[in-house]
Amino acid sequence: MSRKANPTLIGAFVVGAVALAVVATLLLAGGGWFGERRQHVMYFEGAAQGLQVGAPVVFLGVKVGTVKRIQLGLDEKSRQFLVPVTVEVLPHVVLSRSGEQVDLRDRTTVRQLVDRGLRARLRMQSLLTGQLYIDLDFHPDKPAHFAALDPELSEIPTIRTAVQELTTKLEGFAMDKFLGDIAAISAAVSKIMSAPATQELPQRLESTLRHLESLATRLDAQSGPILKDVRYDLAEMRKALQAAQGALAKMETAADRVAELAGPDSQVVRNMTRASDELANAATALRSLTEQESPTVRNVNAALKEIARAADALRQLAELLEKQPDAIYRGRRDKN
């Protein structure tokens, strides 16, 4: 007789199967359900074809969130359509150098990163499928443009893709003028190439090459005598340099001798110094002798006065003897 199935065991089996299914689902979801998420909004210009809900948000090559909502908006000022994209960012995905966790959910942290140049742009995720993803990176050279009117929204500025920038430049490019310039240049080149002078260029080049070959042949023929003269000139120059070196050596020797004679310890300098000292002493003695109040000058002046008086007495004696020759033995006679 068969036993009845135990309802308790069946219920436990079902509960276990459900629990296993939930765990498997959470594991397949990458553990995203256990982390708190916070939303940021980005406004993209132009079409966002290829961007889908669930597309990854990558920051410096690391996935930090996913796209949760894609809408279509209108800028009331410029009357242009925008694509607002709402993303959710996971916490605890950024670590500082000190090991501290940087929370990208925090509006203040995101605003500081935006001030440093954090920008968002669309990039190709797969060339085959054409799917896009949102790339976050630093572009401090790109200005930050905010489109959200609600101050409660946390907005990350966006920049155009390389294709959009190229398209914008091409839209303002004067293609007609460019093609006209190319046509004018092509016509000018065609005119130059068809000119008779241009047609004669190959012949002139050939003639020039023949002249160059002839000149090279002449140079080869005359290179022997020229090199011989050059060698002779170099030999004469070497002799002149050797003679100049000998003269310089003699001049250096003479300069050394002059320097030796002119040295402060040489005998010539000592003799010249002693002679100059003696001349200075003699000049001092002569100066002292020729001074107005010196004894020598006074004695000479007194002798000159005595000589003058003696000369005067001799003159008077001569005049007396001329008049009275006998005055030597009779004496002087006074006139009545």
C-alpha atoms as a PDB file:
ATOM      1  CA  MET A   1       0.000   0.000   0.000  1.00  0.00           C
ATOM      2  CA  SER A   2       1.555   3.364  -1.092  1.00  0.00           C
ATOM      3  CA  ARG A   3       2.387   5.995   1.472  1.00  0.00           C
ATOM      4  CA  LYS A   4       0.775   9.416   1.386  1.00  0.00           C
ATOM      5  CA  ALA A   5       2.920  12.403   0.363  1.00  0.00           C
ATOM      6  CA  ASN A   6       3.902  14.633   3.243  1.00  0.00           C
ATOM      7  CA  PRO A   7       2.524  18.178   2.641  1.00  0.00           C
ATOM      8  CA  THR A   8       5.210  19.683   4.861  1.00  0.00           C
ATOM      9  CA  LEU A   9       8.004  18.273   2.767  1.00  0.00           C
ATOM     10  CA  ILE A  10       6.336  19.406  -0.419  1.00  0.00           C
ATOM     11  CA  GLY A  11       5.925  22.945   0.957  1.00  0.00           C
ATOM     12  CA  ALA A  12       9.548  23.047   2.112  1.00  0.00           C
ATOM     13  CA  PHE A  13      10.675  21.882  -1.319  1.00  0.00           C
ATOM     14  CA  VAL A  14       8.634  24.605  -3.059  1.00  0.00           C
ATOM     15  CA  VAL A  15       9.931  27.314  -0.708  1.00  0.00           C
ATOM     16  CA  GLY A  16      13.481  26.164  -1.278  1.00  0.00           C
ATOM     17  CA  ALA A  17      13.002  26.230  -5.041  1.00  0.00           C
ATOM     18  CA  VAL A  18      11.595  29.766  -4.875  1.00  0.00           C
ATOM     19  CA  ALA A  19      14.506  30.901  -2.690  1.00  0.00           C
ATOM     20  CA  LEU A  20      17.007  29.406  -5.127  1.00  0.00           C
ATOM     21  CA  ALA A  21      15.288  31.204  -8.017  1.00  0.00           C
ATOM     22  CA  VAL A  22      15.436  34.533  -6.175  1.00  0.00           C
ATOM     23  CA  VAL A  23      19.125  34.061  -5.342  1.00  0.00           C
ATOM     24  CA  ALA A  24      19.886  33.128  -8.941  1.00  0.00           C
ATOM     25  CA  THR A  25      18.062  36.220 -10.187  1.00  0.00           C
ATOM     26  CA  LEU A  26      19.975  38.462  -7.825  1.00  0.00           C
ATOM     27  CA  LEU A  27      23.276  36.914  -8.862  1.00  0.00           C
ATOM     28  CA  LEU A  28      22.453  37.358 -12.529  1.00  0.00           C
ATOM     29  CA  ALA A  29      21.566  41.005 -11.814  1.00  0.00           C
ATOM     30  CA  GLY A  30      25.141  41.544 -10.593  1.00  0.00           C
ATOM     31  CA  GLY A  31      24.214  42.397  -7.040  1.00  0.00           C
ATOM     32  CA  GLY A  32      22.649  45.656  -8.115  1.00  0.00           C
ATOM     33  CA  TRP A  33      19.584  45.202  -5.949  1.00  0.00           C
ATOM     34  CA  PHE A  34      21.613  45.330  -2.758  1.00  0.00           C
ATOM     35  CA  GLY A  35      23.057  48.757  -3.479  1.00  0.00           C
ATOM     36  CA  GLU A  36      21.326  52.074  -3.114  1.00  0.00           C
ATOM     37  CA  ARG A  37      21.039  54.082  -6.309  1.00  0.00           C
ATOM     38  CA  ARG A  38      20.548  57.805  -6.962  1.00  0.00           C
ATOM     39  CA  GLN A  39      19.544  59.511 -10.174  1.00  0.00           C
ATOM     40  CA  HIS A  40      21.258  62.212 -12.280  1.00  0.00           C
ATOM     41  CA  VAL A  41      19.934  63.806 -15.445  1.00  0.00           C
ATOM     42  CA  MET A  42      21.767  64.679 -18.679  1.00  0.00           C
ATOM     43  CA  TYR A  43      20.477  66.674 -21.661  1.00  0.00           C
ATOM     44  CA  PHE A  44      21.839  65.575 -25.034  1.00  0.00           C
ATOM     45  CA  GLU A  45      21.545  67.613 -28.227  1.00  0.00           C
ATOM     46  CA  GLY A  46      20.468  65.876 -31.403  1.00  0.00           C
ATOM     47  CA  ALA A  47      19.245  62.353 -31.941  1.00  0.00           C
ATOM     48  CA  ALA A  48      20.025  59.667 -29.382  1.00  0.00           C
ATOM     49  CA  GLN A  49      19.238  56.753 -31.670  1.00  0.00           C
ATOM     50  CA  GLY A  50      20.986  53.663 -30.369  1.00  0.00           C
ATOM     51  CA  LEU A  51      20.744  54.618 -26.690  1.00  0.00           C
ATOM     52  CA  GLN A  52      18.423  52.296 -24.798  1.00  0.00           C
ATOM     53  CA  VAL A  53      17.188  51.925 -21.258  1.00  0.00           C
ATOM     54  CA  GLY A  54      19.643  49.725 -19.407  1.00  0.00           C
ATOM     55  CA  ALA A  55      22.649  51.030 -21.355  1.00  0.00           C
ATOM     56  CA  PRO A  56      25.744  51.342 -19.159  1.00  0.00           C
ATOM     57  CA  VAL A  57      27.104  54.594 -17.730  1.00  0.00           C
ATOM     58  CA  VAL A  58      30.912  54.418 -17.787  1.00  0.00           C
ATOM     59  CA  PHE A  59      33.229  56.691 -15.797  1.00  0.00           C
ATOM     60  CA  LEU A  60      36.850  56.542 -16.976  1.00  0.00           C
ATOM     61  CA  GLY A  61      36.219  53.076 -18.401  1.00  0.00           C
ATOM     62  CA  VAL A  62      34.459  51.669 -15.303  1.00  0.00           C
ATOM     63  CA  LYS A  63      30.716  51.017 -15.191  1.00  0.00           C
ATOM     64  CA  VAL A  64      29.151  53.147 -12.455  1.00  0.00           C
ATOM     65  CA  GLY A  65      25.450  53.053 -13.377  1.00  0.00           C
ATOM     66  CA  THR A  66      22.764  52.445 -15.973  1.00  0.00           C
ATOM     67  CA  VAL A  67      20.296  54.419 -18.061  1.00  0.00           C
ATOM     68  CA  LYS A  68      16.831  54.375 -16.469  1.00  0.00           C
ATOM     69  CA  ARG A  69      14.756  56.731 -18.604  1.00  0.00           C
ATOM     70  CA  ILE A  70      14.993  58.424 -22.007  1.00  0.00           C
ATOM     71  CA  GLN A  71      12.650  61.295 -22.833  1.00  0.00           C
ATOM     72  CA  LEU A  72      12.193  64.045 -25.387  1.00  0.00           C
ATOM     73  CA  GLY A  73      12.330  67.661 -24.219  1.00  0.00           C
ATOM     74  CA  LEU A  74      12.152  71.172 -25.681  1.00  0.00           C
ATOM     75  CA  ASP A  75      14.398  74.104 -24.819  1.00  0.00           C
ATOM     76  CA  GLU A  76      12.051  77.082 -24.546  1.00  0.00           C
ATOM     77  CA  LYS A  77      14.830  79.629 -25.145  1.00  0.00           C
ATOM     78  CA  SER A  78      16.465  78.164 -28.245  1.00  0.00           C
ATOM     79  CA  ARG A  79      13.347  76.259 -29.383  1.00  0.00           C
ATOM     80  CA  GLN A  80      15.495  73.184 -29.920  1.00  0.00           C
ATOM     81  CA  PHE A  81      14.622  69.636 -28.984  1.00  0.00           C
ATOM     82  CA  LEU A  82      16.733  67.919 -26.350  1.00  0.00           C
ATOM     83  CA  VAL A  83      16.936  64.348 -25.112  1.00  0.00           C
ATOM     84  CA  PRO A  84      16.831  64.221 -21.282  1.00  0.00           C
ATOM     85  CA  VAL A  85      18.390  60.977 -20.045  1.00  0.00           C
ATOM     86  CA  THR A  86      18.013  59.879 -16.419  1.00  0.00           C
ATOM     87  CA  VAL A  87      20.723  57.582 -15.032  1.00  0.00           C
ATOM     88  CA  GLU A  88      21.166  55.777 -11.741  1.00  0.00           C
ATOM     89  CA  VAL A  89      24.578  55.538 -10.131  1.00  0.00           C
ATOM     90  CA  LEU A  90      25.684  52.809  -7.760  1.00  0.00           C
ATOM     91  CA  PRO A  91      27.408  53.762  -4.485  1.00  0.00           C
ATOM     92  CA  HIS A  92      30.885  52.785  -3.370  1.00  0.00           C
ATOM     93  CA  VAL A  93      32.426  52.351  -6.820  1.00  0.00           C
ATOM     94  CA  VAL A  94      35.121  55.033  -6.495  1.00  0.00           C
ATOM     95  CA  LEU A  95      38.004  54.848  -4.021  1.00  0.00           C
ATOM     96  CA  SER A  96      40.410  57.672  -3.183  1.00  0.00           C
ATOM     97  CA  ARG A  97      44.161  57.144  -2.816  1.00  0.00           C
ATOM     98  CA  SER A  98      43.750  56.971   0.954  1.00  0.00           C
ATOM     99  CA  GLY A  99      41.193  54.140   0.586  1.00  0.00           C
ATOM    100  CA  GLU A 100      38.134  56.253   1.337  1.00  0.00           C
ATOM    101  CA  GLN A 101      35.010  55.692  -0.755  1.00  0.00           C
ATOM    102  CA  VAL A 102      33.778  58.517  -2.988  1.00  0.00           C
ATOM    103  CA  ASP A 103      30.008  58.498  -3.374  1.00  0.00           C
ATOM    104  CA  LEU A 104      28.992  59.499  -6.913  1.00  0.00           C
ATOM    105  CA  ARG A 105      25.373  59.715  -5.728  1.00  0.00           C
ATOM    106  CA  ASP A 106      26.137  62.826  -3.698  1.00  0.00           C
ATOM    107  CA  ARG A 107      25.122  65.996  -5.546  1.00  0.00           C
ATOM    108  CA  THR A 108      27.914  68.038  -3.958  1.00  0.00           C
ATOM    109  CA  THR A 109      30.538  65.504  -5.042  1.00  0.00           C
ATOM    110  CA  VAL A 110      29.165  65.414  -8.588  1.00  0.00           C
ATOM    111  CA  ARG A 111      29.060  69.237  -8.722  1.00  0.00           C
ATOM    112  CA  GLN A 112      32.714  69.409  -7.651  1.00  0.00           C
ATOM    113  CA  LEU A 113      33.621  66.940 -10.400  1.00  0.00           C
ATOM    114  CA  VAL A 114      31.635  69.024 -12.893  1.00  0.00           C
ATOM    115  CA  ASP A 115      33.582  72.126 -11.835  1.00  0.00           C
ATOM    116  CA  ARG A 116      36.771  70.169 -12.554  1.00  0.00           C
ATOM    117  CA  GLY A 117      35.560  69.369 -16.080  1.00  0.00           C
ATOM    118  CA  LEU A 118      33.339  66.275 -15.766  1.00  0.00           C
ATOM    119  CA  ARG A 119      31.235  65.974 -18.922  1.00  0.00           C
ATOM    120  CA  ALA A 120      28.971  63.287 -20.446  1.00  0.00           C
ATOM    121  CA  ARG A 121      28.742  62.276 -24.075  1.00  0.00           C
ATOM    122  CA  LEU A 122      27.363  59.444 -26.165  1.00  0.00           C
ATOM    123  CA  ARG A 123      29.703  56.813 -27.513  1.00  0.00           C
ATOM    124  CA  MET A 124      29.336  53.761 -29.719  1.00  0.00           C
ATOM    125  CA  GLN A 125      29.035  50.546 -27.738  1.00  0.00           C
ATOM    126  CA  SER A 126      28.946  48.180 -30.714  1.00  0.00           C
ATOM    127  CA  LEU A 127      29.610  48.869 -34.380  1.00  0.00           C
ATOM    128  CA  LEU A 128      27.453  45.895 -35.381  1.00  0.00           C
ATOM    129  CA  THR A 129      24.364  46.793 -33.388  1.00  0.00           C
ATOM    130  CA  GLY A 130      24.879  50.584 -33.295  1.00  0.00           C
ATOM    131  CA  GLN A 131      24.108  50.679 -29.573  1.00  0.00           C
ATOM    132  CA  LEU A 132      25.338  53.672 -27.549  1.00  0.00           C
ATOM    133  CA  TYR A 133      26.432  54.167 -23.983  1.00  0.00           C
ATOM    134  CA  ILE A 134      27.101  57.220 -21.817  1.00  0.00           C
ATOM    135  CA  ASP A 135      30.751  58.030 -21.236  1.00  0.00           C
ATOM    136  CA  LEU A 136      31.775  60.255 -18.304  1.00  0.00           C
ATOM    137  CA  ASP A 137      35.186  61.874 -18.573  1.00  0.00           C
ATOM    138  CA  PHE A 138      36.997  65.101 -17.792  1.00  0.00           C
ATOM    139  CA  HIS A 139      37.039  67.802 -20.485  1.00  0.00           C
ATOM    140  CA  PRO A 140      38.031  71.047 -18.734  1.00  0.00           C
ATOM    141  CA  ASP A 141      38.381  72.807 -22.102  1.00  0.00           C
ATOM    142  CA  LYS A 142      34.669  72.297 -22.833  1.00  0.00           C
ATOM    143  CA  PRO A 143      32.298  74.822 -21.210  1.00  0.00           C
ATOM    144  CA  ALA A 144      29.500  73.487 -19.000  1.00  0.00           C
ATOM    145  CA  HIS A 145      25.993  74.118 -20.374  1.00  0.00           C
ATOM    146  CA  PHE A 146      23.067  73.425 -18.027  1.00  0.00           C
ATOM    147  CA  ALA A 147      19.550  72.923 -19.416  1.00  0.00           C
ATOM    148  CA  ALA A 148      17.541  71.823 -16.361  1.00  0.00           C
ATOM    149  CA  LEU A 149      15.151  74.413 -14.948  1.00  0.00           C
ATOM    150  CA  ASP A 150      14.430  72.450 -11.768  1.00  0.00           C
ATOM    151  CA  PRO A 151      17.096  73.251  -9.154  1.00  0.00           C
ATOM    152  CA  GLU A 152      16.315  69.966  -7.400  1.00  0.00           C
ATOM    153  CA  LEU A 153      17.682  67.954 -10.309  1.00  0.00           C
ATOM    154  CA  SER A 154      21.309  66.857 -10.271  1.00  0.00           C
ATOM    155  CA  GLU A 155      22.514  67.622 -13.806  1.00  0.00           C
ATOM    156  CA  ILE A 156      25.747  66.562 -15.494  1.00  0.00           C
ATOM    157  CA  PRO A 157      26.584  68.761 -18.526  1.00  0.00           C
ATOM    158  CA  THR A 158      26.973  67.058 -21.892  1.00  0.00           C
ATOM    159  CA  ILE A 159      29.209  67.679 -24.884  1.00  0.00           C
ATOM    160  CA  ARG A 160      28.764  66.790 -28.511  1.00  0.00           C
ATOM    161  CA  THR A 161      30.275  63.713 -30.037  1.00  0.00           C
ATOM    162  CA  ALA A 162      33.084  63.962 -32.579  1.00  0.00           C
ATOM    163  CA  VAL A 163      30.632  63.192 -35.374  1.00  0.00           C
ATOM    164  CA  GLN A 164      28.256  65.947 -34.232  1.00  0.00           C
ATOM    165  CA  GLU A 165      31.100  68.496 -34.035  1.00  0.00           C
ATOM    166  CA  LEU A 166      32.292  67.506 -37.498  1.00  0.00           C
ATOM    167  CA  THR A 167      28.730  67.765 -38.826  1.00  0.00           C
ATOM    168  CA  THR A 168      28.342  71.234 -37.287  1.00  0.00           C
ATOM    169  CA  LYS A 169      31.571  72.399 -38.904  1.00  0.00           C
ATOM    170  CA  LEU A 170      30.571  70.971 -42.251  1.00  0.00           C
ATOM    171  CA  GLU A 171      27.198  72.703 -42.058  1.00  0.00           C
ATOM    172  CA  GLY A 172      28.901  76.098 -41.871  1.00  0.00           C
ATOM    173  CA  PHE A 173      31.476  75.225 -44.510  1.00  0.00           C
ATOM    174  CA  ALA A 174      31.180  77.142 -47.789  1.00  0.00           C
ATOM    175  CA  MET A 175      31.216  74.122 -50.076  1.00  0.00           C
ATOM    176  CA  ASP A 176      30.278  76.079 -53.224  1.00  0.00           C
ATOM    177  CA  LYS A 177      33.173  78.477 -52.745  1.00  0.00           C
ATOM    178  CA  PHE A 178      35.515  75.583 -52.009  1.00  0.00           C
ATOM    179  CA  LEU A 179      34.498  73.737 -55.157  1.00  0.00           C
ATOM    180  CA  GLY A 180      34.792  76.959 -57.175  1.00  0.00           C
ATOM    181  CA  ASP A 181      38.322  77.513 -55.875  1.00  0.00           C
ATOM    182  CA  ILE A 182      39.265  73.929 -56.750  1.00  0.00           C
ATOM    183  CA  ALA A 183      37.891  74.400 -60.261  1.00  0.00           C
ATOM    184  CA  ALA A 184      39.851  77.669 -60.669  1.00  0.00           C
ATOM    185  CA  ILE A 185      43.037  76.023 -59.428  1.00  0.00           C
ATOM    186  CA  SER A 186      42.516  73.076 -61.763  1.00  0.00           C
ATOM    187  CA  ALA A 187      41.990  75.439 -64.721  1.00  0.00           C
ATOM    188  CA  ALA A 188      45.154  77.408 -63.822  1.00  0.00           C
ATOM    189  CA  VAL A 189      47.210  74.210 -63.528  1.00  0.00           C
ATOM    190  CA  SER A 190      45.849  72.969 -66.864  1.00  0.00           C
ATOM    191  CA  LYS A 191      46.736  76.286 -68.488  1.00  0.00           C
ATOM    192  CA  ILE A 192      50.263  76.187 -67.105  1.00  0.00           C
ATOM    193  CA  MET A 193      50.811  72.597 -68.192  1.00  0.00           C
ATOM    194  CA  SER A 194      49.593  73.338 -71.721  1.00  0.00           C
ATOM    195  CA  ALA A 195      51.799  76.430 -72.146  1.00  0.00           C
ATOM    196  CA  PRO A 196      54.680  76.194 -74.711  1.00  0.00           C
ATOM    197  CA  ALA A 197      57.267  77.042 -72.049  1.00  0.00           C
ATOM    198  CA  THR A 198      56.077  74.126 -69.949  1.00  0.00           C
ATOM    199  CA  GLN A 199      56.270  71.812 -72.937  1.00  0.00           C
ATOM    200  CA  GLU A 200      59.895  72.862 -73.489  1.00  0.00           C
ATOM    201  CA  LEU A 201      60.893  72.062 -69.916  1.00  0.00           C
ATOM    202  CA  PRO A 202      61.954  68.429 -70.593  1.00  0.00           C
ATOM    203  CA  GLN A 203      64.266  69.536 -73.419  1.00  0.00           C
ATOM    204  CA  ARG A 204      65.779  72.276 -71.276  1.00  0.00           C
ATOM    205  CA  LEU A 205      66.295  69.853 -68.433  1.00  0.00           C
ATOM    206  CA  GLU A 206      68.008  67.395 -70.763  1.00  0.00           C
ATOM    207  CA  SER A 207      70.303  70.170 -72.078  1.00  0.00           C
ATOM    208  CA  THR A 208      71.110  71.250 -68.534  1.00  0.00           C
ATOM    209  CA  LEU A 209      71.988  67.677 -67.586  1.00  0.00           C
ATOM    210  CA  ARG A 210      74.347  67.413 -70.585  1.00  0.00           C
ATOM    211  CA  HIS A 211      76.107  70.616 -69.527  1.00  0.00           C
ATOM    212  CA  LEU A 212      76.425  69.318 -65.994  1.00  0.00           C
ATOM    213  CA  GLU A 213      77.930  66.065 -67.255  1.00  0.00           C
ATOM    214  CA  SER A 214      80.436  68.021 -69.390  1.00  0.00           C
ATOM    215  CA  LEU A 215      81.352  70.195 -66.432  1.00  0.00           C
ATOM    216  CA  ALA A 216      81.851  67.132 -64.244  1.00  0.00           C
ATOM    217  CA  THR A 217      84.151  65.615 -66.872  1.00  0.00           C
ATOM    218  CA  ARG A 218      86.257  68.787 -66.989  1.00  0.00           C
ATOM    219  CA  LEU A 219      86.496  68.900 -63.239  1.00  0.00           C
ATOM    220  CA  ASP A 220      87.635  65.290 -63.160  1.00  0.00           C
ATOM    221  CA  ALA A 221      90.332  66.057 -65.740  1.00  0.00           C
ATOM    222  CA  GLN A 222      91.595  69.151 -63.909  1.00  0.00           C
ATOM    223  CA  SER A 223      91.310  67.780 -60.424  1.00  0.00           C
ATOM    224  CA  GLY A 224      94.861  66.343 -60.533  1.00  0.00           C
ATOM    225  CA  PRO A 225      96.762  69.647 -61.058  1.00  0.00           C
ATOM    226  CA  ILE A 226      94.405  71.492 -58.753  1.00  0.00           C
ATOM    227  CA  LEU A 227      94.988  68.972 -55.983  1.00  0.00           C
ATOM    228  CA  LYS A 228      98.748  69.210 -56.561  1.00  0.00           C
ATOM    229  CA  ASP A 229      98.662  72.994 -56.180  1.00  0.00           C
ATOM    230  CA  VAL A 230      96.513  72.638 -53.091  1.00  0.00           C
ATOM    231  CA  ARG A 231      99.027  70.210 -51.560  1.00  0.00           C
ATOM    232  CA  TYR A 232     101.898  72.624 -52.309  1.00  0.00           C
ATOM    233  CA  ASP A 233      99.982  75.527 -50.786  1.00  0.00           C
ATOM    234  CA  LEU A 234      99.233  73.443 -47.715  1.00  0.00           C
ATOM    235  CA  ALA A 235     102.921  72.546 -47.336  1.00  0.00           C
ATOM    236  CA  GLU A 236     103.939  76.226 -47.592  1.00  0.00           C
ATOM    237  CA  MET A 237     101.246  77.128 -45.111  1.00  0.00           C
ATOM    238  CA  ARG A 238     102.557  74.465 -42.738  1.00  0.00           C
ATOM    239  CA  LYS A 239     106.079  75.946 -42.998  1.00  0.00           C
ATOM    240  CA  ALA A 240     104.731  79.427 -42.339  1.00  0.00           C
ATOM    241  CA  LEU A 241     102.835  78.146 -39.324  1.00  0.00           C
ATOM    242  CA  GLN A 242     105.975  76.452 -37.976  1.00  0.00           C
ATOM    243  CA  ALA A 243     107.945  79.687 -38.417  1.00  0.00           C
ATOM    244  CA  ALA A 244     105.206  81.638 -36.700  1.00  0.00           C
ATOM    245  CA  GLN A 245     105.231  79.135 -33.841  1.00  0.00           C
ATOM    246  CA  GLY A 246     109.012  79.581 -33.494  1.00  0.00           C
ATOM    247  CA  ALA A 247     108.645  83.371 -33.427  1.00  0.00           C
ATOM    248  CA  LEU A 248     105.923  83.083 -30.841  1.00  0.00           C
ATOM    249  CA  ALA A 249     108.153  80.847 -28.727  1.00  0.00           C
ATOM    250  CA  LYS A 250     110.960  83.450 -28.890  1.00  0.00           C
ATOM    251  CA  MET A 251     108.537  86.208 -28.019  1.00  0.00           C
ATOM    252  CA  GLU A 252     107.329  84.186 -25.050  1.00  0.00           C
ATOM    253  CA  THR A 253     110.951  83.706 -23.902  1.00  0.00           C
ATOM    254  CA  ALA A 254     111.677  87.443 -24.251  1.00  0.00           C
ATOM    255  CA  ALA A 255     108.469  88.260 -22.423  1.00  0.00           C
ATOM    256  CA  ASP A 256     109.488  85.900 -19.611  1.00  0.00           C
ATOM    257  CA  ARG A 257     112.884  87.632 -19.358  1.00  0.00           C
ATOM    258  CA  VAL A 258     111.305  91.058 -19.317  1.00  0.00           C
ATOM    259  CA  ALA A 259     108.902  89.902 -16.678  1.00  0.00           C
ATOM    260  CA  GLU A 260     111.827  88.462 -14.681  1.00  0.00           C
ATOM    261  CA  LEU A 261     113.777  91.763 -14.951  1.00  0.00           C
ATOM    262  CA  ALA A 262     110.710  93.790 -14.109  1.00  0.00           C
ATOM    263  CA  GLY A 263     109.893  91.688 -11.087  1.00  0.00           C
ATOM    264  CA  PRO A 264     109.926  93.402  -7.687  1.00  0.00           C
ATOM    265  CA  ASP A 265     112.762  91.165  -6.467  1.00  0.00           C
ATOM    266  CA  SER A 266     115.096  91.651  -9.476  1.00  0.00           C
ATOM    267  CA  GLN A 267     118.487  93.417  -9.113  1.00  0.00           C
ATOM    268  CA  VAL A 268     117.629  95.973 -11.822  1.00  0.00           C
ATOM    269  CA  VAL A 269     114.488  97.066 -10.032  1.00  0.00           C
ATOM    270  CA  ARG A 270     116.393  97.313  -6.712  1.00  0.00           C
ATOM    271  CA  ASN A 271     119.177  99.435  -8.313  1.00  0.00           C
ATOM    272  CA  MET A 272     116.631 101.697  -9.990  1.00  0.00           C
ATOM    273  CA  THR A 273     114.793 102.065  -6.713  1.00  0.00           C
ATOM    274  CA  ARG A 274     118.010 102.941  -4.849  1.00  0.00           C
ATOM    275  CA  ALA A 275     119.015 105.470  -7.566  1.00  0.00           C
ATOM    276  CA  SER A 276     115.606 107.085  -7.436  1.00  0.00           C
ATOM    277  CA  ASP A 277     115.882 107.350  -3.641  1.00  0.00           C
ATOM    278  CA  GLU A 278     119.318 109.012  -3.939  1.00  0.00           C
ATOM    279  CA  LEU A 279     118.022 111.443  -6.567  1.00  0.00           C
ATOM    280  CA  ALA A 280     115.145 112.289  -4.290  1.00  0.00           C
ATOM    281  CA  ASN A 281     117.558 112.944  -1.406  1.00  0.00           C
ATOM    282  CA  ALA A 282     119.745 115.129  -3.637  1.00  0.00           C
ATOM    283  CA  ALA A 283     116.718 117.081  -4.809  1.00  0.00           C
ATOM    284  CA  THR A 284     115.699 117.579  -1.187  1.00  0.00           C
ATOM    285  CA  ALA A 285     119.204 118.817  -0.306  1.00  0.00           C
ATOM    286  CA  LEU A 286     119.254 121.244  -3.243  1.00  0.00           C
ATOM    287  CA  ARG A 287     115.809 122.467  -2.260  1.00  0.00           C
ATOM    288  CA  SER A 288     117.013 123.104   1.287  1.00  0.00           C
ATOM    289  CA  LEU A 289     120.153 124.921  -0.019  1.00  0.00           C
ATOM    290  CA  THR A 290     118.223 127.160  -2.386  1.00  0.00           C
ATOM    291  CA  GLU A 291     115.573 128.227   0.059  1.00  0.00           C
ATOM    292  CA  GLN A 292     115.475 132.000   0.829  1.00  0.00           C
ATOM    293  CA  GLU A 293     116.066 131.620   4.553  1.00  0.00           C
ATOM    294  CA  SER A 294     118.707 128.881   4.398  1.00  0.00           C
ATOM    295  CA  PRO A 295     122.156 129.602   6.038  1.00  0.00           C
ATOM    296  CA  THR A 296     123.944 129.026   2.758  1.00  0.00           C
ATOM    297  CA  VAL A 297     121.922 131.664   0.997  1.00  0.00           C
ATOM    298  CA  ARG A 298     122.459 134.134   3.884  1.00  0.00           C
ATOM    299  CA  ASN A 299     126.234 133.517   3.862  1.00  0.00           C
ATOM    300  CA  VAL A 300     126.411 133.946   0.122  1.00  0.00           C
ATOM    301  CA  ASN A 301     124.468 137.216   0.358  1.00  0.00           C
ATOM    302  CA  ALA A 302     126.817 138.533   3.116  1.00  0.00           C
ATOM    303  CA  ALA A 303     129.904 137.552   1.081  1.00  0.00           C
ATOM    304  CA  LEU A 304     128.500 139.320  -1.936  1.00  0.00           C
ATOM    305  CA  LYS A 305     127.952 142.473   0.160  1.00  0.00           C
ATOM    306  CA  GLU A 306     131.543 142.321   1.481  1.00  0.00           C
ATOM    307  CA  ILE A 307     132.880 141.806  -2.029  1.00  0.00           C
ATOM    308  CA  ALA A 308     130.832 144.796  -3.187  1.00  0.00           C
ATOM    309  CA  ARG A 309     132.257 146.984  -0.372  1.00  0.00           C
ATOM    310  CA  ALA A 310     135.809 145.806  -1.149  1.00  0.00           C
ATOM    311  CA  ALA A 311     135.296 146.552  -4.803  1.00  0.00           C
ATOM    312  CA  ASP A 312     134.033 150.034  -3.905  1.00  0.00           C
ATOM    313  CA  ALA A 313     137.115 150.643  -1.684  1.00  0.00           C
ATOM    314  CA  LEU A 314     139.464 149.479  -4.460  1.00  0.00           C
ATOM    315  CA  ARG A 315     137.652 151.748  -6.885  1.00  0.00           C
ATOM    316  CA  GLN A 316     138.124 154.744  -4.518  1.00  0.00           C
ATOM    317  CA  LEU A 317     141.828 153.825  -3.987  1.00  0.00           C
ATOM    318  CA  ALA A 318     142.380 153.688  -7.724  1.00  0.00           C
ATOM    319  CA  GLU A 319     140.777 157.051  -8.227  1.00  0.00           C
ATOM    320  CA  LEU A 320     142.967 158.522  -5.390  1.00  0.00           C
ATOM    321  CA  LEU A 321     146.185 157.107  -6.818  1.00  0.00           C
ATOM    322  CA  GLU A 322     145.217 158.391 -10.213  1.00  0.00           C
ATOM    323  CA  LYS A 323     144.856 161.909  -8.798  1.00  0.00           C
ATOM    324  CA  GLN A 324     147.563 161.733  -6.124  1.00  0.00           C
ATOM    325  CA  PRO A 325     150.231 159.200  -7.047  1.00  0.00           C
ATOM    326  CA  ASP A 326     152.311 160.055  -3.998  1.00  0.00           C
ATOM    327  CA  ALA A 327     149.486 159.407  -1.649  1.00  0.00           C
ATOM    328  CA  ILE A 328     150.913 155.943  -0.928  1.00  0.00           C
ATOM    329  CA  TYR A 329     153.865 157.358   1.080  1.00  0.00           C
ATOM    330  CA  ARG A 330     152.654 160.887   1.859  1.00  0.00           C
ATOM    331  CA  GLY A 331     149.047 160.163   2.560  1.00  0.00           C
ATOM    332  CA  ARG A 332     145.929 161.617   1.236  1.00  0.00           C
ATOM    333  CA  ARG A 333     145.674 165.331   0.840  1.00  0.00           C
ATOM    334  CA  ASP A 334     142.370 166.985   1.172  1.00  0.00           C
ATOM    335  CA  LYS A 335     141.442 169.541  -1.420  1.00  0.00           C
ATOM    336  CA  ASN A 336     140.936 173.173  -0.335  1.00  0.00           C
END
